[in-house]
């Protein structure tokens, strides 16, 4: 095995390059963003409850928005009944963004952190920012 040293050196270089991103990022993880609920509309509410519970919305909001799109545009159903029995209009602009009007703090922080690019604003008009 005359080339054993070259093979070993090649493996070491490969492993160093393959694991470089992990070594480079040790200790640099960012904390998960906490969406801001400090909007004028939310502050006015006596009962601060979303369409569904917070844990459900964090995990399933995109699936819910896709279902809402299908119900409203393809089936003509414009009313959503939550798990608590409360009725809501199926509308991103008039239901969701009415309270969560601070798109930069509420939507964009989490989407940027997770490196996802939602296509909501391809059709909808992004809300004007309202802060306290």
C-alpha atoms as a PDB file:
ATOM      1  CA  UNK A   1       0.000   0.000   0.000  1.00  0.00           C
ATOM      2  CA  UNK A   2       2.296   2.712  -1.292  1.00  0.00           C
ATOM      3  CA  UNK A   3      -0.432   5.399  -1.499  1.00  0.00           C
ATOM      4  CA  UNK A   4      -1.731   4.874   2.052  1.00  0.00           C
ATOM      5  CA  UNK A   5      -0.392   8.228   3.219  1.00  0.00           C
ATOM      6  CA  UNK A   6      -2.031  10.078   0.329  1.00  0.00           C
ATOM      7  CA  UNK A   7      -5.344   8.326   0.931  1.00  0.00           C
ATOM      8  CA  UNK A   8      -5.219   9.142   4.644  1.00  0.00           C
ATOM      9  CA  UNK A   9      -4.352  12.771   3.921  1.00  0.00           C
ATOM     10  CA  UNK A  10      -7.196  12.955   1.379  1.00  0.00           C
ATOM     11  CA  UNK A  11      -9.661  11.546   3.928  1.00  0.00           C
ATOM     12  CA  UNK A  12      -8.527  14.039   6.564  1.00  0.00           C
ATOM     13  CA  UNK A  13      -8.908  16.960   4.147  1.00  0.00           C
ATOM     14  CA  UNK A  14     -12.353  15.691   3.103  1.00  0.00           C
ATOM     15  CA  UNK A  15     -13.506  15.327   6.722  1.00  0.00           C
ATOM     16  CA  UNK A  16     -12.159  18.780   7.607  1.00  0.00           C
ATOM     17  CA  UNK A  17     -14.075  20.346   4.716  1.00  0.00           C
ATOM     18  CA  UNK A  18     -17.227  18.336   5.382  1.00  0.00           C
ATOM     19  CA  UNK A  19     -17.370  19.300   9.069  1.00  0.00           C
ATOM     20  CA  UNK A  20     -16.209  22.915   8.658  1.00  0.00           C
ATOM     21  CA  UNK A  21     -19.764  24.394   8.702  1.00  0.00           C
ATOM     22  CA  UNK A  22     -20.471  22.660  12.004  1.00  0.00           C
ATOM     23  CA  UNK A  23     -17.253  23.865  13.645  1.00  0.00           C
ATOM     24  CA  UNK A  24     -17.668  27.353  12.233  1.00  0.00           C
ATOM     25  CA  UNK A  25     -21.197  27.775  13.670  1.00  0.00           C
ATOM     26  CA  UNK A  26     -20.644  26.340  17.154  1.00  0.00           C
ATOM     27  CA  UNK A  27     -22.100  28.777  19.671  1.00  0.00           C
ATOM     28  CA  UNK A  28     -23.609  31.082  17.057  1.00  0.00           C
ATOM     29  CA  UNK A  29     -27.184  29.811  17.107  1.00  0.00           C
ATOM     30  CA  UNK A  30     -29.816  32.529  17.225  1.00  0.00           C
ATOM     31  CA  UNK A  31     -32.650  32.433  19.713  1.00  0.00           C
ATOM     32  CA  UNK A  32     -36.057  31.649  18.262  1.00  0.00           C
ATOM     33  CA  UNK A  33     -37.924  34.915  17.672  1.00  0.00           C
ATOM     34  CA  UNK A  34     -41.013  35.637  19.697  1.00  0.00           C
ATOM     35  CA  UNK A  35     -43.691  37.272  17.508  1.00  0.00           C
ATOM     36  CA  UNK A  36     -44.703  40.711  18.735  1.00  0.00           C
ATOM     37  CA  UNK A  37     -48.315  41.134  19.761  1.00  0.00           C
ATOM     38  CA  UNK A  38     -47.901  44.854  20.405  1.00  0.00           C
ATOM     39  CA  UNK A  39     -50.242  46.199  17.784  1.00  0.00           C
ATOM     40  CA  UNK A  40     -52.931  48.809  18.397  1.00  0.00           C
ATOM     41  CA  UNK A  41     -55.701  46.388  17.436  1.00  0.00           C
ATOM     42  CA  UNK A  42     -54.562  43.634  19.814  1.00  0.00           C
ATOM     43  CA  UNK A  43     -54.134  46.127  22.656  1.00  0.00           C
ATOM     44  CA  UNK A  44     -57.774  47.252  22.187  1.00  0.00           C
ATOM     45  CA  UNK A  45     -59.120  43.704  22.553  1.00  0.00           C
ATOM     46  CA  UNK A  46     -60.592  42.690  25.892  1.00  0.00           C
ATOM     47  CA  UNK A  47     -60.167  38.977  25.137  1.00  0.00           C
ATOM     48  CA  UNK A  48     -56.871  38.366  23.350  1.00  0.00           C
ATOM     49  CA  UNK A  49     -57.583  35.083  21.568  1.00  0.00           C
ATOM     50  CA  UNK A  50     -56.689  34.087  18.054  1.00  0.00           C
ATOM     51  CA  UNK A  51     -58.769  32.007  15.666  1.00  0.00           C
ATOM     52  CA  UNK A  52     -57.302  28.871  17.259  1.00  0.00           C
ATOM     53  CA  UNK A  53     -55.038  28.332  20.324  1.00  0.00           C
ATOM     54  CA  UNK A  54     -51.464  29.641  20.142  1.00  0.00           C
ATOM     55  CA  UNK A  55     -49.822  26.199  19.962  1.00  0.00           C
ATOM     56  CA  UNK A  56     -52.100  25.154  17.100  1.00  0.00           C
ATOM     57  CA  UNK A  57     -51.448  28.371  15.176  1.00  0.00           C
ATOM     58  CA  UNK A  58     -47.671  28.071  15.552  1.00  0.00           C
ATOM     59  CA  UNK A  59     -47.675  24.545  14.206  1.00  0.00           C
ATOM     60  CA  UNK A  60     -50.448  24.714  11.617  1.00  0.00           C
ATOM     61  CA  UNK A  61     -51.060  28.267  10.444  1.00  0.00           C
ATOM     62  CA  UNK A  62     -49.830  27.644   6.902  1.00  0.00           C
ATOM     63  CA  UNK A  63     -52.007  24.555   6.504  1.00  0.00           C
ATOM     64  CA  UNK A  64     -54.941  26.549   7.880  1.00  0.00           C
ATOM     65  CA  UNK A  65     -54.309  29.393   5.431  1.00  0.00           C
ATOM     66  CA  UNK A  66     -54.136  26.905   2.551  1.00  0.00           C
ATOM     67  CA  UNK A  67     -57.430  25.349   3.672  1.00  0.00           C
ATOM     68  CA  UNK A  68     -58.991  28.803   3.999  1.00  0.00           C
ATOM     69  CA  UNK A  69     -57.864  29.663   0.469  1.00  0.00           C
ATOM     70  CA  UNK A  70     -59.428  26.471  -0.878  1.00  0.00           C
ATOM     71  CA  UNK A  71     -62.659  26.956   1.071  1.00  0.00           C
ATOM     72  CA  UNK A  72     -63.084  30.615   0.114  1.00  0.00           C
ATOM     73  CA  UNK A  73     -61.950  30.593  -3.507  1.00  0.00           C
ATOM     74  CA  UNK A  74     -62.821  27.099  -4.680  1.00  0.00           C
ATOM     75  CA  UNK A  75     -65.879  26.205  -2.598  1.00  0.00           C
ATOM     76  CA  UNK A  76     -67.311  29.646  -1.802  1.00  0.00           C
ATOM     77  CA  UNK A  77     -67.331  29.015   1.965  1.00  0.00           C
ATOM     78  CA  UNK A  78     -66.494  32.270   3.723  1.00  0.00           C
ATOM     79  CA  UNK A  79     -67.057  31.361   7.398  1.00  0.00           C
ATOM     80  CA  UNK A  80     -64.716  29.345   9.636  1.00  0.00           C
ATOM     81  CA  UNK A  81     -65.933  27.839  12.913  1.00  0.00           C
ATOM     82  CA  UNK A  82     -63.057  27.479  15.381  1.00  0.00           C
ATOM     83  CA  UNK A  83     -62.534  24.638  17.815  1.00  0.00           C
ATOM     84  CA  UNK A  84     -64.149  26.881  20.467  1.00  0.00           C
ATOM     85  CA  UNK A  85     -67.249  27.307  18.290  1.00  0.00           C
ATOM     86  CA  UNK A  86     -66.535  30.955  17.396  1.00  0.00           C
ATOM     87  CA  UNK A  87     -67.281  32.032  13.825  1.00  0.00           C
ATOM     88  CA  UNK A  88     -64.691  33.976  11.820  1.00  0.00           C
ATOM     89  CA  UNK A  89     -64.658  35.360   8.292  1.00  0.00           C
ATOM     90  CA  UNK A  90     -62.203  33.464   6.127  1.00  0.00           C
ATOM     91  CA  UNK A  91     -59.936  36.341   5.180  1.00  0.00           C
ATOM     92  CA  UNK A  92     -56.201  36.872   5.517  1.00  0.00           C
ATOM     93  CA  UNK A  93     -56.568  40.638   5.183  1.00  0.00           C
ATOM     94  CA  UNK A  94     -59.662  41.189   7.325  1.00  0.00           C
ATOM     95  CA  UNK A  95     -59.314  38.485   9.956  1.00  0.00           C
ATOM     96  CA  UNK A  96     -55.623  37.685  10.459  1.00  0.00           C
ATOM     97  CA  UNK A  97     -53.989  40.969   9.494  1.00  0.00           C
ATOM     98  CA  UNK A  98     -56.630  43.025  11.312  1.00  0.00           C
ATOM     99  CA  UNK A  99     -54.965  42.068  14.610  1.00  0.00           C
ATOM    100  CA  UNK A 100     -51.508  41.035  13.406  1.00  0.00           C
ATOM    101  CA  UNK A 101     -50.943  44.257  11.496  1.00  0.00           C
ATOM    102  CA  UNK A 102     -47.211  44.481  12.233  1.00  0.00           C
ATOM    103  CA  UNK A 103     -46.022  42.212   9.422  1.00  0.00           C
ATOM    104  CA  UNK A 104     -42.317  42.890  10.002  1.00  0.00           C
ATOM    105  CA  UNK A 105     -42.413  41.869  13.655  1.00  0.00           C
ATOM    106  CA  UNK A 106     -45.146  39.251  13.521  1.00  0.00           C
ATOM    107  CA  UNK A 107     -44.658  37.420  10.207  1.00  0.00           C
ATOM    108  CA  UNK A 108     -41.264  38.286   8.819  1.00  0.00           C
ATOM    109  CA  UNK A 109     -39.164  37.575  11.933  1.00  0.00           C
ATOM    110  CA  UNK A 110     -40.200  33.927  12.113  1.00  0.00           C
ATOM    111  CA  UNK A 111     -40.238  33.368   8.367  1.00  0.00           C
ATOM    112  CA  UNK A 112     -36.730  34.830   8.029  1.00  0.00           C
ATOM    113  CA  UNK A 113     -35.469  32.782  10.994  1.00  0.00           C
ATOM    114  CA  UNK A 114     -36.768  29.588   9.373  1.00  0.00           C
ATOM    115  CA  UNK A 115     -35.710  30.686   5.863  1.00  0.00           C
ATOM    116  CA  UNK A 116     -39.165  30.202   4.374  1.00  0.00           C
ATOM    117  CA  UNK A 117     -40.641  32.427   1.699  1.00  0.00           C
ATOM    118  CA  UNK A 118     -44.439  32.340   1.936  1.00  0.00           C
ATOM    119  CA  UNK A 119     -46.307  33.297  -1.206  1.00  0.00           C
ATOM    120  CA  UNK A 120     -49.140  35.148   0.576  1.00  0.00           C
ATOM    121  CA  UNK A 121     -48.052  38.528  -0.732  1.00  0.00           C
ATOM    122  CA  UNK A 122     -47.985  37.371  -4.335  1.00  0.00           C
ATOM    123  CA  UNK A 123     -51.755  37.934  -4.372  1.00  0.00           C
ATOM    124  CA  UNK A 124     -52.516  39.898  -1.191  1.00  0.00           C
ATOM    125  CA  UNK A 125     -51.501  43.469  -0.516  1.00  0.00           C
ATOM    126  CA  UNK A 126     -49.040  43.623   2.393  1.00  0.00           C
ATOM    127  CA  UNK A 127     -50.530  45.623   5.269  1.00  0.00           C
ATOM    128  CA  UNK A 128     -49.184  49.012   6.209  1.00  0.00           C
ATOM    129  CA  UNK A 129     -47.257  48.738   9.461  1.00  0.00           C
ATOM    130  CA  UNK A 130     -49.061  49.934  12.577  1.00  0.00           C
ATOM    131  CA  UNK A 131     -47.158  49.965  15.853  1.00  0.00           C
ATOM    132  CA  UNK A 132     -47.799  51.415  19.286  1.00  0.00           C
END
